């Protein structure tokens, strides 16, 4: 079979690469940068210590030169990427680590505007938390959305309040649902991050996280992550005390395929596994072979004779919004 949103017979989900090629007519670099923001879960705004899975650099462990000025960070990243793909000329700047809307809007504007007009930049992707989107920030994001291709990536990680408390997430699920609704009023694309393998979560709970995300929030993208157990994180205590069992590759591939089957085909799958520095990773070590994991997902979908959206869950958010105004 050929999946509707794929040019490759072995790929049966709506990949980020496919979406970008069809949006821009060719390969795009997503260029990670460090915007110099902190996290409200670290600086005392909502809590201290951060999420228990988070490393000291947030999710920016792979950024090449995080302490450099933003335009220089951008240039160093694309110089490295051009060594493999020399002809790419269009870029999405990804404000990746920590919480990139956790500052007064004047500060956010000053930092984002340093990169939006750099040569070849066609879009921004902004990683943030649902509890860091006050009205004035959403208004600025709405302005950016009129100027270039924009995604807001919301770290949800889990829909379960018990898990959220265990990992010190420091916001609740209704805050996430409200944040998505306020962004979508401005037609801003939203990508939700979920983590498979969090302490205490069963495979059924991982499936339920996707089910709730699809039915409760109008998202255009989803990132599915594997939990990486990293050195110098508080989650090491869960592991040492037996409250965390690392997922096997077979179990991870299986639950990813279960989740894909629930996700409507038009929703873009931004990621199905993640990257972690090998020298900081405790496990699962099989995750370092990223392409083997992705190939195993492709093979399992083929084995099942399945694809993204085979058992899709749907909710008409436009009708729901209209009903609220009557």
Protein backbone atom coordinates (compact mmCIF):
# COMPACT_ATOMS: atom_id res chain seq x y z
CA UNK A 1 0.00 0.00 0.00
CA UNK A 2 0.98 3.67 -0.38
CA UNK A 3 0.08 5.82 2.61
CA UNK A 4 -1.66 9.08 1.66
CA UNK A 5 0.98 11.31 3.29
CA UNK A 6 4.11 9.43 2.14
CA UNK A 7 6.25 9.16 -0.97
CA UNK A 8 7.83 5.97 0.38
CA UNK A 9 6.02 2.63 0.37
CA UNK A 10 7.77 1.63 3.59
CA UNK A 11 6.61 4.75 5.48
CA UNK A 12 3.06 4.53 6.78
CA UNK A 13 2.81 7.67 8.87
CA UNK A 14 2.73 11.42 8.17
CA UNK A 15 6.33 12.30 8.87
CA UNK A 16 7.75 15.75 9.58
CA UNK A 17 10.15 15.39 6.65
CA UNK A 18 7.28 14.65 4.27
CA UNK A 19 5.29 17.62 5.57
CA UNK A 20 8.19 20.04 5.13
CA UNK A 21 9.07 18.82 1.63
CA UNK A 22 5.50 19.36 0.51
CA UNK A 23 5.24 22.73 2.29
CA UNK A 24 8.51 24.18 0.93
CA UNK A 25 9.33 22.07 -2.11
CA UNK A 26 12.53 20.55 -0.78
CA UNK A 27 14.59 19.61 2.25
CA UNK A 28 14.51 21.99 5.23
CA UNK A 29 16.90 22.23 8.16
CA UNK A 30 15.37 22.53 11.62
CA UNK A 31 18.12 24.45 13.39
CA UNK A 32 18.23 24.19 17.21
CA UNK A 33 19.35 27.22 19.21
CA UNK A 34 19.54 28.17 22.86
CA UNK A 35 17.52 31.32 23.45
CA UNK A 36 18.90 31.86 26.96
CA UNK A 37 15.56 31.24 28.68
CA UNK A 38 15.09 29.47 32.01
CA UNK A 39 12.20 27.29 33.17
CA UNK A 40 9.52 28.27 35.73
CA UNK A 41 9.89 24.81 37.18
CA UNK A 42 13.54 25.51 38.00
CA UNK A 43 13.69 29.17 38.99
CA UNK A 44 10.92 29.05 41.62
CA UNK A 45 8.15 30.65 39.56
CA UNK A 46 6.04 27.50 39.93
CA UNK A 47 8.50 25.04 41.52
CA UNK A 48 12.16 24.22 42.05
CA UNK A 49 14.33 21.43 40.71
CA UNK A 50 12.71 20.97 37.32
CA UNK A 51 11.14 17.83 35.91
CA UNK A 52 12.87 14.76 37.28
CA UNK A 53 13.88 13.55 33.79
CA UNK A 54 15.44 16.87 32.77
CA UNK A 55 19.20 17.33 32.47
CA UNK A 56 21.04 20.48 33.50
CA UNK A 57 20.83 21.83 29.93
CA UNK A 58 17.14 21.13 29.45
CA UNK A 59 16.56 19.43 26.11
CA UNK A 60 19.44 21.27 24.49
CA UNK A 61 22.20 18.72 25.03
CA UNK A 62 22.88 18.46 21.30
CA UNK A 63 23.16 22.21 20.53
CA UNK A 64 26.61 23.00 19.12
CA UNK A 65 27.37 26.41 20.65
CA UNK A 66 24.65 27.33 23.19
CA UNK A 67 26.56 30.23 24.75
CA UNK A 68 27.15 32.10 21.47
CA UNK A 69 24.92 34.96 20.24
CA UNK A 70 21.85 33.64 18.46
CA UNK A 71 22.91 34.53 14.89
CA UNK A 72 26.28 32.83 15.46
CA UNK A 73 24.63 29.75 16.97
CA UNK A 74 22.46 29.56 13.87
CA UNK A 75 25.41 29.87 11.53
CA UNK A 76 27.48 27.21 13.31
CA UNK A 77 24.55 24.78 13.26
CA UNK A 78 23.84 25.18 9.56
CA UNK A 79 27.55 25.01 8.71
CA UNK A 80 27.66 21.60 10.38
CA UNK A 81 24.45 20.44 8.64
CA UNK A 82 25.72 21.64 5.26
CA UNK A 83 28.61 19.19 5.52
CA UNK A 84 26.07 16.44 4.83
CA UNK A 85 23.45 18.38 2.83
CA UNK A 86 25.31 21.24 1.09
CA UNK A 87 22.43 22.50 -1.06
CA UNK A 88 19.77 23.21 1.59
CA UNK A 89 18.83 26.89 1.63
CA UNK A 90 15.73 27.08 3.83
CA UNK A 91 15.66 26.85 7.62
CA UNK A 92 13.31 26.65 10.58
CA UNK A 93 14.92 28.01 13.75
CA UNK A 94 14.06 25.82 16.74
CA UNK A 95 14.13 27.48 20.16
CA UNK A 96 14.58 24.15 21.88
CA UNK A 97 15.78 23.92 25.43
CA UNK A 98 13.99 25.04 28.57
CA UNK A 99 10.91 27.29 28.27
CA UNK A 100 11.14 29.74 25.41
CA UNK A 101 8.21 31.94 26.39
CA UNK A 102 9.22 32.25 30.05
CA UNK A 103 10.12 35.94 30.05
CA UNK A 104 8.43 39.31 29.56
CA UNK A 105 7.16 39.66 26.02
CA UNK A 106 9.70 42.43 25.31
CA UNK A 107 12.55 39.99 26.05
CA UNK A 108 10.95 37.24 23.98
CA UNK A 109 10.49 39.62 21.06
CA UNK A 110 14.09 40.86 21.23
CA UNK A 111 15.48 37.31 21.11
CA UNK A 112 13.18 35.91 18.43
CA UNK A 113 13.67 38.94 16.18
CA UNK A 114 17.44 38.25 16.11
CA UNK A 115 16.82 35.23 13.89
CA UNK A 116 13.58 35.73 11.95
CA UNK A 117 15.27 37.81 9.24
CA UNK A 118 18.45 35.78 8.87
CA UNK A 119 19.09 34.57 5.30
CA UNK A 120 17.00 31.53 4.43
CA UNK A 121 14.89 31.49 7.60
CA UNK A 122 11.32 30.57 6.68
CA UNK A 123 9.93 29.60 10.07
CA UNK A 124 10.21 29.27 13.82
CA UNK A 125 9.48 26.36 16.14
CA UNK A 126 9.16 27.37 19.78
CA UNK A 127 9.42 24.87 22.61
CA UNK A 128 7.55 25.93 25.74
CA UNK A 129 5.24 24.93 28.59
CA UNK A 130 1.46 25.35 28.65
CA UNK A 131 1.67 27.55 31.75
CA UNK A 132 3.93 30.13 30.07
CA UNK A 133 1.57 31.61 27.50
CA UNK A 134 0.03 34.79 28.94
CA UNK A 135 -2.20 36.85 26.61
CA UNK A 136 0.50 39.31 25.53
CA UNK A 137 2.81 36.44 24.52
CA UNK A 138 0.05 34.70 22.57
CA UNK A 139 -0.62 38.01 20.80
CA UNK A 140 3.04 38.24 19.75
CA UNK A 141 2.99 34.63 18.56
CA UNK A 142 -0.12 35.45 16.53
CA UNK A 143 1.83 38.31 14.92
CA UNK A 144 4.70 35.98 14.09
CA UNK A 145 2.23 33.50 12.65
CA UNK A 146 1.24 36.12 10.07
CA UNK A 147 4.87 36.68 9.10
CA UNK A 148 6.34 33.20 8.76
CA UNK A 149 5.77 29.47 9.26
CA UNK A 150 5.25 28.96 12.99
CA UNK A 151 4.91 26.01 15.34
CA UNK A 152 4.50 26.11 19.10
CA UNK A 153 5.70 22.89 20.70
CA UNK A 154 4.01 22.24 24.03
CA UNK A 155 5.61 19.90 26.53
CA UNK A 156 2.72 17.92 27.97
CA UNK A 157 4.55 14.58 28.54
CA UNK A 158 1.58 12.92 30.26
CA UNK A 159 -2.14 13.47 30.75
CA UNK A 160 -2.14 11.81 34.18
CA UNK A 161 -1.99 14.07 37.21
CA UNK A 162 -0.44 11.28 39.30
CA UNK A 163 2.46 10.94 36.84
CA UNK A 164 2.77 14.70 36.53
CA UNK A 165 3.19 14.99 40.30
CA UNK A 166 5.71 12.13 40.34
CA UNK A 167 7.93 13.79 37.74
CA UNK A 168 7.45 17.29 39.26
CA UNK A 169 5.83 18.68 36.13
CA UNK A 170 4.20 21.52 38.13
CA UNK A 171 1.21 22.18 35.87
CA UNK A 172 -2.04 20.30 35.39
CA UNK A 173 -3.74 18.87 32.32
CA UNK A 174 -6.50 21.54 32.06
CA UNK A 175 -3.76 24.18 31.76
CA UNK A 176 -2.49 22.38 28.67
CA UNK A 177 -5.97 22.06 27.13
CA UNK A 178 -6.61 25.78 27.69
CA UNK A 179 -3.23 26.75 26.19
CA UNK A 180 -3.93 24.82 23.00
CA UNK A 181 -7.37 26.41 22.66
CA UNK A 182 -5.94 29.93 23.03
CA UNK A 183 -3.21 29.30 20.45
CA UNK A 184 -5.65 27.76 18.00
CA UNK A 185 -7.87 30.88 18.14
CA UNK A 186 -5.04 32.47 16.13
CA UNK A 187 -4.56 29.43 13.84
CA UNK A 188 -1.14 28.76 15.34
CA UNK A 189 0.12 25.23 14.67
CA UNK A 190 0.55 23.24 17.89
CA UNK A 191 2.75 20.17 18.36
CA UNK A 192 2.28 18.24 21.62
CA UNK A 193 5.14 16.32 23.23
CA UNK A 194 4.40 13.02 25.01
CA UNK A 195 6.89 10.69 26.69
CA UNK A 196 6.50 6.92 26.67
CA UNK A 197 7.98 5.02 29.58
CA UNK A 198 7.47 7.47 32.46
CA UNK A 199 7.56 6.00 36.00
CA UNK A 200 4.40 4.06 36.85
CA UNK A 201 2.79 4.35 33.42
CA UNK A 202 1.58 1.15 31.79
CA UNK A 203 1.26 0.55 28.06
CA UNK A 204 -2.48 1.16 28.44
CA UNK A 205 -1.77 4.57 30.03
CA UNK A 206 0.63 5.45 27.19
CA UNK A 207 -2.13 4.70 24.68
CA UNK A 208 -4.57 6.73 26.77
CA UNK A 209 -2.20 9.73 26.72
CA UNK A 210 -2.52 9.82 22.93
CA UNK A 211 -6.27 9.19 23.02
CA UNK A 212 -6.85 12.14 25.38
CA UNK A 213 -4.52 14.42 23.40
CA UNK A 214 -6.41 13.75 20.17
CA UNK A 215 -9.88 14.09 21.68
CA UNK A 216 -9.25 17.00 24.05
CA UNK A 217 -7.03 19.35 22.05
CA UNK A 218 -6.88 20.59 18.46
CA UNK A 219 -3.27 19.74 17.64
CA UNK A 220 -1.62 19.63 14.23
CA UNK A 221 1.46 17.71 15.31
CA UNK A 222 2.62 15.18 17.89
CA UNK A 223 6.08 14.27 19.14
CA UNK A 224 6.36 10.85 20.74
CA UNK A 225 9.49 10.43 22.83
CA UNK A 226 11.14 7.52 24.56
CA UNK A 227 12.08 8.27 28.15
CA UNK A 228 15.86 8.61 28.30
CA UNK A 229 17.33 8.05 31.74
CA UNK A 230 20.17 10.54 31.99
CA UNK A 231 23.03 11.02 34.41
CA UNK A 232 22.65 13.76 37.02
CA UNK A 233 18.84 13.74 36.95
CA UNK A 234 16.46 13.22 39.85
CA UNK A 235 14.81 10.34 38.01
CA UNK A 236 17.84 8.19 38.83
CA UNK A 237 16.33 7.75 42.30
CA UNK A 238 13.14 6.26 40.81
CA UNK A 239 15.30 3.84 38.85
CA UNK A 240 17.49 2.90 41.80
CA UNK A 241 14.45 2.32 44.05
CA UNK A 242 12.60 0.20 41.49
CA UNK A 243 9.85 2.66 40.55
CA UNK A 244 11.07 2.90 36.95
CA UNK A 245 11.61 0.08 34.48
CA UNK A 246 13.23 1.06 31.20
CA UNK A 247 11.30 0.03 28.10
CA UNK A 248 12.54 -2.70 25.81
CA UNK A 249 12.88 -1.94 22.13
CA UNK A 250 10.14 -4.44 21.26
CA UNK A 251 7.69 -2.90 23.74
CA UNK A 252 8.47 0.62 22.56
CA UNK A 253 7.99 -0.23 18.89
CA UNK A 254 4.70 -1.95 19.70
CA UNK A 255 3.23 0.94 21.70
CA UNK A 256 4.34 3.49 19.08
CA UNK A 257 2.45 1.54 16.42
CA UNK A 258 -0.60 1.34 18.69
CA UNK A 259 -0.46 5.11 19.14
CA UNK A 260 0.01 5.81 15.44
CA UNK A 261 -3.06 3.76 14.64
CA UNK A 262 -5.14 6.17 16.78
CA UNK A 263 -3.77 9.42 15.35
CA UNK A 264 -5.66 10.95 12.39
CA UNK A 265 -3.62 10.90 9.21
CA UNK A 266 -3.50 14.68 8.74
CA UNK A 267 -1.68 15.16 12.08
CA UNK A 268 2.07 15.44 11.48
CA UNK A 269 4.34 13.10 13.42
CA UNK A 270 7.29 15.31 14.31
CA UNK A 271 9.22 12.57 16.06
CA UNK A 272 8.93 8.90 17.06
CA UNK A 273 12.06 8.64 19.16
CA UNK A 274 14.67 11.04 20.46
CA UNK A 275 18.38 11.70 20.63
CA UNK A 276 20.52 11.61 23.75
CA UNK A 277 24.27 12.10 24.22
CA UNK A 278 25.80 8.66 24.59
CA UNK A 279 28.10 9.78 27.40
CA UNK A 280 25.17 11.00 29.53
CA UNK A 281 22.70 8.19 28.82
CA UNK A 282 22.04 5.49 31.42
CA UNK A 283 19.48 3.76 29.22
CA UNK A 284 17.84 2.35 27.25
CA UNK A 285 21.09 1.97 25.31
CA UNK A 286 19.31 0.50 22.27
CA UNK A 287 17.88 3.99 21.69
CA UNK A 288 21.28 5.19 20.48
CA UNK A 289 20.66 3.27 17.24
CA UNK A 290 17.92 5.64 16.15
CA UNK A 291 17.58 4.41 12.57
CA UNK A 292 17.21 0.83 13.74
CA UNK A 293 14.29 1.93 15.93
CA UNK A 294 12.63 3.86 13.09
CA UNK A 295 13.12 0.93 10.70
CA UNK A 296 11.60 -1.42 13.27
CA UNK A 297 8.51 0.82 13.50
CA UNK A 298 8.14 0.78 9.71
CA UNK A 299 8.50 -2.99 9.68
CA UNK A 300 5.96 -3.51 12.47
CA UNK A 301 3.34 -1.40 10.68
CA UNK A 302 3.91 -3.46 7.54
CA UNK A 303 3.69 -6.70 9.54
CA UNK A 304 0.36 -5.56 11.00
CA UNK A 305 -0.84 -4.37 7.60
CA UNK A 306 -1.48 -1.10 9.40
CA UNK A 307 -0.83 2.65 9.18
CA UNK A 308 -1.35 5.96 10.97
CA UNK A 309 -5.05 6.56 11.47
CA UNK A 310 -6.26 3.01 10.86
CA UNK A 311 -8.37 3.32 14.01
CA UNK A 312 -8.35 7.12 14.13
CA UNK A 313 -10.00 9.06 16.92
CA UNK A 314 -11.65 12.29 15.84
CA UNK A 315 -13.33 15.31 17.28
CA UNK A 316 -14.60 18.28 15.29
CA UNK A 317 -13.09 21.19 17.18
CA UNK A 318 -14.63 23.74 14.83
CA UNK A 319 -18.13 22.49 15.65
CA UNK A 320 -17.23 22.37 19.34
CA UNK A 321 -16.02 25.99 19.25
CA UNK A 322 -19.14 27.13 17.44
CA UNK A 323 -21.37 25.39 19.96
CA UNK A 324 -19.73 27.36 22.75
CA UNK A 325 -20.66 30.66 21.12
CA UNK A 326 -24.36 29.88 20.66
